[in-house]
């Protein structure tokens, strides 16, 4: 709950916008999970490569939510390791 003395508008949209973004996250997760068998078990990046690909400073203005899944795919997914696969299970 927002504190009544907090200045300015709430930092989020309405309930429908939240719902739309939530469905988009679930859709991204489902697509990612469906393609796991085609991904490497270990990351195909050098140590520090993911950190080096991230911005050094925060943005003056945030980007639209719709841009986030592409950023995750481009910046974070290459450095992710798969766990719990038959390749890593005893």
PDB file of N, CA and C in Angstrom:
ATOM      1  N   UNK A   1       0.839  -1.185   0.000  1.00  0.00           N
ATOM      2  CA  UNK A   1       0.000   0.000   0.000  1.00  0.00           C
ATOM      3  C   UNK A   1       0.881   1.244   0.000  1.00  0.00           C
ATOM      4  N   UNK A   2       0.468   2.218  -0.738  1.00  0.00           N
ATOM      5  CA  UNK A   2       1.207   3.470  -0.862  1.00  0.00           C
ATOM      6  C   UNK A   2       1.004   4.332   0.377  1.00  0.00           C
ATOM      7  N   UNK A   3       2.084   4.916   0.851  1.00  0.00           N
ATOM      8  CA  UNK A   3       2.012   5.802   2.011  1.00  0.00           C
ATOM      9  C   UNK A   3       1.264   7.063   1.610  1.00  0.00           C
ATOM     10  N   UNK A   4       0.294   7.517   2.431  1.00  0.00           N
ATOM     11  CA  UNK A   4      -0.528   8.678   2.043  1.00  0.00           C
ATOM     12  C   UNK A   4       0.258   9.964   1.863  1.00  0.00           C
ATOM     13  N   UNK A   5       1.442  10.069   2.455  1.00  0.00           N
ATOM     14  CA  UNK A   5       2.229  11.301   2.326  1.00  0.00           C
ATOM     15  C   UNK A   5       3.254  11.228   1.207  1.00  0.00           C
ATOM     16  N   UNK A   6       3.309  10.134   0.478  1.00  0.00           N
ATOM     17  CA  UNK A   6       4.269  10.004  -0.611  1.00  0.00           C
ATOM     18  C   UNK A   6       3.912  10.971  -1.733  1.00  0.00           C
ATOM     19  N   UNK A   7       4.900  11.745  -2.223  1.00  0.00           N
ATOM     20  CA  UNK A   7       4.604  12.718  -3.292  1.00  0.00           C
ATOM     21  C   UNK A   7       4.420  12.040  -4.642  1.00  0.00           C
ATOM     22  N   UNK A   8       3.638  12.652  -5.487  1.00  0.00           N
ATOM     23  CA  UNK A   8       3.487  12.213  -6.866  1.00  0.00           C
ATOM     24  C   UNK A   8       2.587  11.011  -7.045  1.00  0.00           C
ATOM     25  N   UNK A   9       2.404  10.632  -8.299  1.00  0.00           N
ATOM     26  CA  UNK A   9       1.541   9.495  -8.613  1.00  0.00           C
ATOM     27  C   UNK A   9       2.220   8.177  -8.233  1.00  0.00           C
ATOM     28  N   UNK A  10       1.455   7.120  -8.091  1.00  0.00           N
ATOM     29  CA  UNK A  10       2.073   5.833  -7.789  1.00  0.00           C
ATOM     30  C   UNK A  10       3.023   5.428  -8.915  1.00  0.00           C
ATOM     31  N   UNK A  11       4.072   4.660  -8.602  1.00  0.00           N
ATOM     32  CA  UNK A  11       5.083   4.324  -9.608  1.00  0.00           C
ATOM     33  C   UNK A  11       4.676   3.186 -10.541  1.00  0.00           C
ATOM     34  N   UNK A  12       3.410   2.924 -10.678  1.00  0.00           N
ATOM     35  CA  UNK A  12       2.953   1.819 -11.521  1.00  0.00           C
ATOM     36  C   UNK A  12       1.651   2.204 -12.202  1.00  0.00           C
ATOM     37  N   UNK A  13       1.241   1.376 -13.134  1.00  0.00           N
ATOM     38  CA  UNK A  13       0.001   1.623 -13.850  1.00  0.00           C
ATOM     39  C   UNK A  13      -1.181   1.039 -13.122  1.00  0.00           C
ATOM     40  N   UNK A  14      -2.231   0.880 -13.840  1.00  0.00           N
ATOM     41  CA  UNK A  14      -3.453   0.341 -13.240  1.00  0.00           C
ATOM     42  C   UNK A  14      -3.417  -1.187 -13.210  1.00  0.00           C
ATOM     43  N   UNK A  15      -4.448  -1.780 -12.661  1.00  0.00           N
ATOM     44  CA  UNK A  15      -4.521  -3.231 -12.500  1.00  0.00           C
ATOM     45  C   UNK A  15      -4.477  -3.941 -13.850  1.00  0.00           C
ATOM     46  N   UNK A  16      -5.130  -3.407 -14.850  1.00  0.00           N
ATOM     47  CA  UNK A  16      -5.135  -4.047 -16.170  1.00  0.00           C
ATOM     48  C   UNK A  16      -3.748  -4.025 -16.804  1.00  0.00           C
ATOM     49  N   UNK A  17      -3.017  -2.944 -16.612  1.00  0.00           N
ATOM     50  CA  UNK A  17      -1.649  -2.882 -17.128  1.00  0.00           C
ATOM     51  C   UNK A  17      -0.778  -3.921 -16.410  1.00  0.00           C
ATOM     52  N   UNK A  18      -0.935  -4.036 -15.105  1.00  0.00           N
ATOM     53  CA  UNK A  18      -0.213  -5.045 -14.335  1.00  0.00           C
ATOM     54  C   UNK A  18      -0.548  -6.448 -14.841  1.00  0.00           C
ATOM     55  N   UNK A  19      -1.805  -6.709 -15.088  1.00  0.00           N
ATOM     56  CA  UNK A  19      -2.240  -8.015 -15.585  1.00  0.00           C
ATOM     57  C   UNK A  19      -1.628  -8.299 -16.963  1.00  0.00           C
ATOM     58  N   UNK A  20      -1.651  -7.319 -17.843  1.00  0.00           N
ATOM     59  CA  UNK A  20      -1.102  -7.475 -19.192  1.00  0.00           C
ATOM     60  C   UNK A  20       0.395  -7.794 -19.126  1.00  0.00           C
ATOM     61  N   UNK A  21       1.119  -7.080 -18.272  1.00  0.00           N
ATOM     62  CA  UNK A  21       2.550  -7.327 -18.125  1.00  0.00           C
ATOM     63  C   UNK A  21       2.804  -8.702 -17.499  1.00  0.00           C
ATOM     64  N   UNK A  22       1.975  -9.086 -16.545  1.00  0.00           N
ATOM     65  CA  UNK A  22       2.112 -10.409 -15.933  1.00  0.00           C
ATOM     66  C   UNK A  22       1.938 -11.519 -16.949  1.00  0.00           C
ATOM     67  N   UNK A  23       0.938 -11.395 -17.810  1.00  0.00           N
ATOM     68  CA  UNK A  23       0.736 -12.398 -18.874  1.00  0.00           C
ATOM     69  C   UNK A  23       1.925 -12.421 -19.828  1.00  0.00           C
ATOM     70  N   UNK A  24       2.496 -11.260 -20.109  1.00  0.00           N
ATOM     71  CA  UNK A  24       3.652 -11.202 -21.004  1.00  0.00           C
ATOM     72  C   UNK A  24       4.844 -11.935 -20.387  1.00  0.00           C
ATOM     73  N   UNK A  25       5.038 -11.792 -19.082  1.00  0.00           N
ATOM     74  CA  UNK A  25       6.136 -12.492 -18.408  1.00  0.00           C
ATOM     75  C   UNK A  25       5.913 -13.999 -18.468  1.00  0.00           C
ATOM     76  N   UNK A  26       4.684 -14.448 -18.190  1.00  0.00           N
ATOM     77  CA  UNK A  26       4.379 -15.878 -18.247  1.00  0.00           C
ATOM     78  C   UNK A  26       4.580 -16.408 -19.663  1.00  0.00           C
ATOM     79  N   UNK A  27       4.177 -15.664 -20.680  1.00  0.00           N
ATOM     80  CA  UNK A  27       4.385 -16.075 -22.072  1.00  0.00           C
ATOM     81  C   UNK A  27       5.876 -16.209 -22.384  1.00  0.00           C
ATOM     82  N   UNK A  28       6.682 -15.237 -21.928  1.00  0.00           N
ATOM     83  CA  UNK A  28       8.126 -15.318 -22.149  1.00  0.00           C
ATOM     84  C   UNK A  28       8.691 -16.568 -21.478  1.00  0.00           C
ATOM     85  N   UNK A  29       8.309 -16.810 -20.213  1.00  0.00           N
ATOM     86  CA  UNK A  29       8.793 -17.984 -19.492  1.00  0.00           C
ATOM     87  C   UNK A  29       8.405 -19.274 -20.206  1.00  0.00           C
ATOM     88  N   UNK A  30       7.176 -19.346 -20.695  1.00  0.00           N
ATOM     89  CA  UNK A  30       6.722 -20.549 -21.394  1.00  0.00           C
ATOM     90  C   UNK A  30       7.531 -20.774 -22.672  1.00  0.00           C
ATOM     91  N   UNK A  31       7.782 -19.710 -23.438  1.00  0.00           N
ATOM     92  CA  UNK A  31       8.595 -19.842 -24.661  1.00  0.00           C
ATOM     93  C   UNK A  31      10.016 -20.270 -24.316  1.00  0.00           C
ATOM     94  N   UNK A  32      10.573 -19.664 -23.278  1.00  0.00           N
ATOM     95  CA  UNK A  32      11.933 -20.007 -22.857  1.00  0.00           C
ATOM     96  C   UNK A  32      11.998 -21.475 -22.431  1.00  0.00           C
ATOM     97  N   UNK A  33      11.062 -21.898 -21.623  1.00  0.00           N
ATOM     98  CA  UNK A  33      11.040 -23.265 -21.117  1.00  0.00           C
ATOM     99  C   UNK A  33      10.833 -24.271 -22.252  1.00  0.00           C
ATOM    100  N   UNK A  34       9.967 -23.920 -23.195  1.00  0.00           N
ATOM    101  CA  UNK A  34       9.699 -24.816 -24.327  1.00  0.00           C
ATOM    102  C   UNK A  34      10.939 -25.020 -25.188  1.00  0.00           C
ATOM    103  N   UNK A  35      11.853 -24.067 -25.190  1.00  0.00           N
ATOM    104  CA  UNK A  35      13.044 -24.178 -26.018  1.00  0.00           C
ATOM    105  C   UNK A  35      14.281 -24.664 -25.282  1.00  0.00           C
ATOM    106  N   UNK A  36      14.138 -25.065 -24.020  1.00  0.00           N
ATOM    107  CA  UNK A  36      15.315 -25.455 -23.242  1.00  0.00           C
ATOM    108  C   UNK A  36      16.092 -26.609 -23.861  1.00  0.00           C
ATOM    109  N   UNK A  37      15.411 -27.548 -24.471  1.00  0.00           N
ATOM    110  CA  UNK A  37      16.126 -28.706 -25.030  1.00  0.00           C
ATOM    111  C   UNK A  37      17.060 -28.304 -26.168  1.00  0.00           C
ATOM    112  N   UNK A  38      16.869 -27.121 -26.723  1.00  0.00           N
ATOM    113  CA  UNK A  38      17.715 -26.646 -27.815  1.00  0.00           C
ATOM    114  C   UNK A  38      18.810 -25.698 -27.333  1.00  0.00           C
ATOM    115  N   UNK A  39      18.871 -25.475 -26.025  1.00  0.00           N
ATOM    116  CA  UNK A  39      19.864 -24.554 -25.471  1.00  0.00           C
ATOM    117  C   UNK A  39      21.014 -25.341 -24.843  1.00  0.00           C
ATOM    118  N   UNK A  40      22.136 -24.687 -24.753  1.00  0.00           N
ATOM    119  CA  UNK A  40      23.302 -25.280 -24.092  1.00  0.00           C
ATOM    120  C   UNK A  40      23.025 -25.440 -22.599  1.00  0.00           C
ATOM    121  N   UNK A  41      23.653 -26.449 -21.995  1.00  0.00           N
ATOM    122  CA  UNK A  41      23.521 -26.645 -20.552  1.00  0.00           C
ATOM    123  C   UNK A  41      24.389 -25.627 -19.818  1.00  0.00           C
ATOM    124  N   UNK A  42      25.575 -25.365 -20.353  1.00  0.00           N
ATOM    125  CA  UNK A  42      26.469 -24.381 -19.749  1.00  0.00           C
ATOM    126  C   UNK A  42      26.467 -23.117 -20.607  1.00  0.00           C
ATOM    127  N   UNK A  43      26.693 -21.979 -19.991  1.00  0.00           N
ATOM    128  CA  UNK A  43      26.694 -20.725 -20.761  1.00  0.00           C
ATOM    129  C   UNK A  43      27.790 -20.700 -21.812  1.00  0.00           C
ATOM    130  N   UNK A  44      27.519 -20.003 -22.885  1.00  0.00           N
ATOM    131  CA  UNK A  44      28.477 -19.854 -23.974  1.00  0.00           C
ATOM    132  C   UNK A  44      29.033 -18.432 -23.965  1.00  0.00           C
ATOM    133  N   UNK A  45      29.406 -17.964 -22.772  1.00  0.00           N
ATOM    134  CA  UNK A  45      29.973 -16.624 -22.626  1.00  0.00           C
ATOM    135  C   UNK A  45      31.204 -16.717 -21.729  1.00  0.00           C
ATOM    136  N   UNK A  46      32.067 -15.740 -21.850  1.00  0.00           N
ATOM    137  CA  UNK A  46      33.253 -15.663 -21.007  1.00  0.00           C
ATOM    138  C   UNK A  46      32.860 -15.102 -19.639  1.00  0.00           C
ATOM    139  N   UNK A  47      33.598 -15.443 -18.573  1.00  0.00           N
ATOM    140  CA  UNK A  47      33.328 -14.843 -17.265  1.00  0.00           C
ATOM    141  C   UNK A  47      33.381 -13.319 -17.349  1.00  0.00           C
ATOM    142  N   UNK A  48      32.384 -12.675 -16.826  1.00  0.00           N
ATOM    143  CA  UNK A  48      32.317 -11.213 -16.851  1.00  0.00           C
ATOM    144  C   UNK A  48      31.647 -10.629 -18.074  1.00  0.00           C
ATOM    145  N   UNK A  49      31.378 -11.452 -19.086  1.00  0.00           N
ATOM    146  CA  UNK A  49      30.805 -10.938 -20.338  1.00  0.00           C
ATOM    147  C   UNK A  49      29.400 -10.377 -20.135  1.00  0.00           C
ATOM    148  N   UNK A  50      28.581 -11.061 -19.334  1.00  0.00           N
ATOM    149  CA  UNK A  50      27.225 -10.562 -19.105  1.00  0.00           C
ATOM    150  C   UNK A  50      27.280  -9.229 -18.372  1.00  0.00           C
ATOM    151  N   UNK A  51      28.085  -9.154 -17.309  1.00  0.00           N
ATOM    152  CA  UNK A  51      28.206  -7.898 -16.556  1.00  0.00           C
ATOM    153  C   UNK A  51      28.704  -6.770 -17.449  1.00  0.00           C
ATOM    154  N   UNK A  52      29.643  -7.075 -18.329  1.00  0.00           N
ATOM    155  CA  UNK A  52      30.190  -6.051 -19.229  1.00  0.00           C
ATOM    156  C   UNK A  52      29.152  -5.573 -20.242  1.00  0.00           C
ATOM    157  N   UNK A  53      28.135  -6.395 -20.527  1.00  0.00           N
ATOM    158  CA  UNK A  53      27.120  -6.006 -21.503  1.00  0.00           C
ATOM    159  C   UNK A  53      26.032  -5.117 -20.896  1.00  0.00           C
ATOM    160  N   UNK A  54      26.013  -5.018 -19.572  1.00  0.00           N
ATOM    161  CA  UNK A  54      24.994  -4.198 -18.911  1.00  0.00           C
ATOM    162  C   UNK A  54      25.438  -2.745 -18.874  1.00  0.00           C
ATOM    163  N   UNK A  55      24.479  -1.809 -18.873  1.00  0.00           N
ATOM    164  CA  UNK A  55      24.843  -0.390 -18.796  1.00  0.00           C
ATOM    165  C   UNK A  55      25.604  -0.083 -17.503  1.00  0.00           C
ATOM    166  N   UNK A  56      26.527   0.839 -17.582  1.00  0.00           N
ATOM    167  CA  UNK A  56      27.323   1.231 -16.411  1.00  0.00           C
ATOM    168  C   UNK A  56      26.539   2.133 -15.458  1.00  0.00           C
ATOM    169  N   UNK A  57      25.568   2.855 -15.985  1.00  0.00           N
ATOM    170  CA  UNK A  57      24.770   3.769 -15.162  1.00  0.00           C
ATOM    171  C   UNK A  57      23.294   3.502 -15.413  1.00  0.00           C
ATOM    172  N   UNK A  58      22.473   3.990 -14.515  1.00  0.00           N
ATOM    173  CA  UNK A  58      21.037   3.835 -14.699  1.00  0.00           C
ATOM    174  C   UNK A  58      20.546   4.837 -15.738  1.00  0.00           C
ATOM    175  N   UNK A  59      19.472   4.487 -16.393  1.00  0.00           N
ATOM    176  CA  UNK A  59      18.910   5.340 -17.434  1.00  0.00           C
ATOM    177  C   UNK A  59      18.201   6.545 -16.815  1.00  0.00           C
ATOM    178  N   UNK A  60      18.196   7.621 -17.530  1.00  0.00           N
ATOM    179  CA  UNK A  60      17.454   8.802 -17.078  1.00  0.00           C
ATOM    180  C   UNK A  60      15.953   8.511 -17.044  1.00  0.00           C
ATOM    181  N   UNK A  61      15.494   7.769 -18.040  1.00  0.00           N
ATOM    182  CA  UNK A  61      14.079   7.380 -18.124  1.00  0.00           C
ATOM    183  C   UNK A  61      14.022   5.885 -18.389  1.00  0.00           C
ATOM    184  N   UNK A  62      13.065   5.232 -17.774  1.00  0.00           N
ATOM    185  CA  UNK A  62      12.900   3.802 -17.999  1.00  0.00           C
ATOM    186  C   UNK A  62      12.388   3.519 -19.393  1.00  0.00           C
ATOM    187  N   UNK A  63      12.649   2.316 -19.857  1.00  0.00           N
ATOM    188  CA  UNK A  63      12.137   1.917 -21.152  1.00  0.00           C
ATOM    189  C   UNK A  63      10.775   1.255 -20.961  1.00  0.00           C
ATOM    190  N   UNK A  64      10.002   1.136 -22.012  1.00  0.00           N
ATOM    191  CA  UNK A  64       8.689   0.494 -21.880  1.00  0.00           C
ATOM    192  C   UNK A  64       8.843  -0.972 -21.474  1.00  0.00           C
ATOM    193  N   UNK A  65       7.888  -1.469 -20.739  1.00  0.00           N
ATOM    194  CA  UNK A  65       7.915  -2.854 -20.285  1.00  0.00           C
ATOM    195  C   UNK A  65       8.082  -3.808 -21.457  1.00  0.00           C
ATOM    196  N   UNK A  66       7.467  -3.515 -22.577  1.00  0.00           N
ATOM    197  CA  UNK A  66       7.499  -4.392 -23.746  1.00  0.00           C
ATOM    198  C   UNK A  66       8.925  -4.644 -24.245  1.00  0.00           C
ATOM    199  N   UNK A  67       9.876  -3.777 -23.908  1.00  0.00           N
ATOM    200  CA  UNK A  67      11.264  -3.947 -24.337  1.00  0.00           C
ATOM    201  C   UNK A  67      12.037  -4.905 -23.434  1.00  0.00           C
ATOM    202  N   UNK A  68      11.534  -5.179 -22.248  1.00  0.00           N
ATOM    203  CA  UNK A  68      12.280  -5.987 -21.285  1.00  0.00           C
ATOM    204  C   UNK A  68      12.534  -7.426 -21.717  1.00  0.00           C
ATOM    205  N   UNK A  69      11.555  -8.156 -22.270  1.00  0.00           N
ATOM    206  CA  UNK A  69      11.859  -9.533 -22.677  1.00  0.00           C
ATOM    207  C   UNK A  69      13.012  -9.624 -23.676  1.00  0.00           C
ATOM    208  N   UNK A  70      13.078  -8.712 -24.614  1.00  0.00           N
ATOM    209  CA  UNK A  70      14.181  -8.718 -25.585  1.00  0.00           C
ATOM    210  C   UNK A  70      15.511  -8.437 -24.888  1.00  0.00           C
ATOM    211  N   UNK A  71      15.504  -7.532 -23.902  1.00  0.00           N
ATOM    212  CA  UNK A  71      16.721  -7.258 -23.140  1.00  0.00           C
ATOM    213  C   UNK A  71      17.172  -8.498 -22.373  1.00  0.00           C
ATOM    214  N   UNK A  72      16.236  -9.203 -21.765  1.00  0.00           N
ATOM    215  CA  UNK A  72      16.579 -10.429 -21.036  1.00  0.00           C
ATOM    216  C   UNK A  72      17.175 -11.452 -21.993  1.00  0.00           C
ATOM    217  N   UNK A  73      16.538 -11.641 -23.148  1.00  0.00           N
ATOM    218  CA  UNK A  73      17.050 -12.594 -24.144  1.00  0.00           C
ATOM    219  C   UNK A  73      18.454 -12.221 -24.619  1.00  0.00           C
ATOM    220  N   UNK A  74      18.670 -10.943 -24.844  1.00  0.00           N
ATOM    221  CA  UNK A  74      19.940 -10.475 -25.416  1.00  0.00           C
ATOM    222  C   UNK A  74      21.050 -10.399 -24.367  1.00  0.00           C
ATOM    223  N   UNK A  75      20.715  -9.936 -23.153  1.00  0.00           N
ATOM    224  CA  UNK A  75      21.751  -9.662 -22.167  1.00  0.00           C
ATOM    225  C   UNK A  75      21.949 -10.763 -21.125  1.00  0.00           C
ATOM    226  N   UNK A  76      20.870 -11.399 -20.691  1.00  0.00           N
ATOM    227  CA  UNK A  76      20.970 -12.326 -19.569  1.00  0.00           C
ATOM    228  C   UNK A  76      20.954 -13.798 -19.961  1.00  0.00           C
ATOM    229  N   UNK A  77      20.090 -14.162 -20.896  1.00  0.00           N
ATOM    230  CA  UNK A  77      19.948 -15.573 -21.252  1.00  0.00           C
ATOM    231  C   UNK A  77      21.266 -16.203 -21.708  1.00  0.00           C
ATOM    232  N   UNK A  78      22.110 -15.516 -22.475  1.00  0.00           N
ATOM    233  CA  UNK A  78      23.355 -16.158 -22.891  1.00  0.00           C
ATOM    234  C   UNK A  78      24.235 -16.619 -21.717  1.00  0.00           C
ATOM    235  N   UNK A  79      24.110 -15.996 -20.565  1.00  0.00           N
ATOM    236  CA  UNK A  79      24.924 -16.359 -19.417  1.00  0.00           C
ATOM    237  C   UNK A  79      24.256 -17.315 -18.448  1.00  0.00           C
ATOM    238  N   UNK A  80      23.074 -17.783 -18.785  1.00  0.00           N
ATOM    239  CA  UNK A  80      22.347 -18.667 -17.878  1.00  0.00           C
ATOM    240  C   UNK A  80      22.780 -20.115 -18.052  1.00  0.00           C
ATOM    241  N   UNK A  81      22.914 -20.811 -16.928  1.00  0.00           N
ATOM    242  CA  UNK A  81      23.196 -22.244 -16.947  1.00  0.00           C
ATOM    243  C   UNK A  81      21.899 -22.978 -16.651  1.00  0.00           C
ATOM    244  N   UNK A  82      21.706 -24.089 -17.314  1.00  0.00           N
ATOM    245  CA  UNK A  82      20.519 -24.919 -17.054  1.00  0.00           C
ATOM    246  C   UNK A  82      20.839 -25.867 -15.921  1.00  0.00           C
ATOM    247  N   UNK A  83      19.949 -25.982 -14.975  1.00  0.00           N
ATOM    248  CA  UNK A  83      20.127 -26.936 -13.886  1.00  0.00           C
ATOM    249  C   UNK A  83      18.936 -27.865 -13.859  1.00  0.00           C
ATOM    250  N   UNK A  84      19.133 -29.021 -13.269  1.00  0.00           N
ATOM    251  CA  UNK A  84      18.043 -29.977 -13.175  1.00  0.00           C
ATOM    252  C   UNK A  84      17.762 -30.729 -14.456  1.00  0.00           C
ATOM    253  N   UNK A  85      18.674 -30.675 -15.414  1.00  0.00           N
ATOM    254  CA  UNK A  85      18.506 -31.397 -16.662  1.00  0.00           C
ATOM    255  C   UNK A  85      19.132 -32.780 -16.525  1.00  0.00           C
ATOM    256  N   UNK A  86      18.820 -33.657 -17.430  1.00  0.00           N
ATOM    257  CA  UNK A  86      19.418 -34.992 -17.396  1.00  0.00           C
ATOM    258  C   UNK A  86      20.937 -34.912 -17.537  1.00  0.00           C
ATOM    259  N   UNK A  87      21.423 -33.862 -18.172  1.00  0.00           N
ATOM    260  CA  UNK A  87      22.861 -33.713 -18.344  1.00  0.00           C
ATOM    261  C   UNK A  87      23.562 -33.376 -17.033  1.00  0.00           C
ATOM    262  N   UNK A  88      22.842 -32.797 -16.069  1.00  0.00           N
ATOM    263  CA  UNK A  88      23.463 -32.428 -14.810  1.00  0.00           C
ATOM    264  C   UNK A  88      22.990 -33.312 -13.667  1.00  0.00           C
ATOM    265  N   UNK A  89      22.027 -34.179 -13.928  1.00  0.00           N
ATOM    266  CA  UNK A  89      21.520 -35.063 -12.879  1.00  0.00           C
ATOM    267  C   UNK A  89      22.352 -36.327 -12.814  1.00  0.00           C
ATOM    268  N   UNK A  90      22.486 -36.925 -11.598  1.00  0.00           N
ATOM    269  CA  UNK A  90      23.265 -38.162 -11.496  1.00  0.00           C
ATOM    270  C   UNK A  90      22.597 -39.310 -12.198  1.00  0.00           C
TER     271      UNK A  90
END
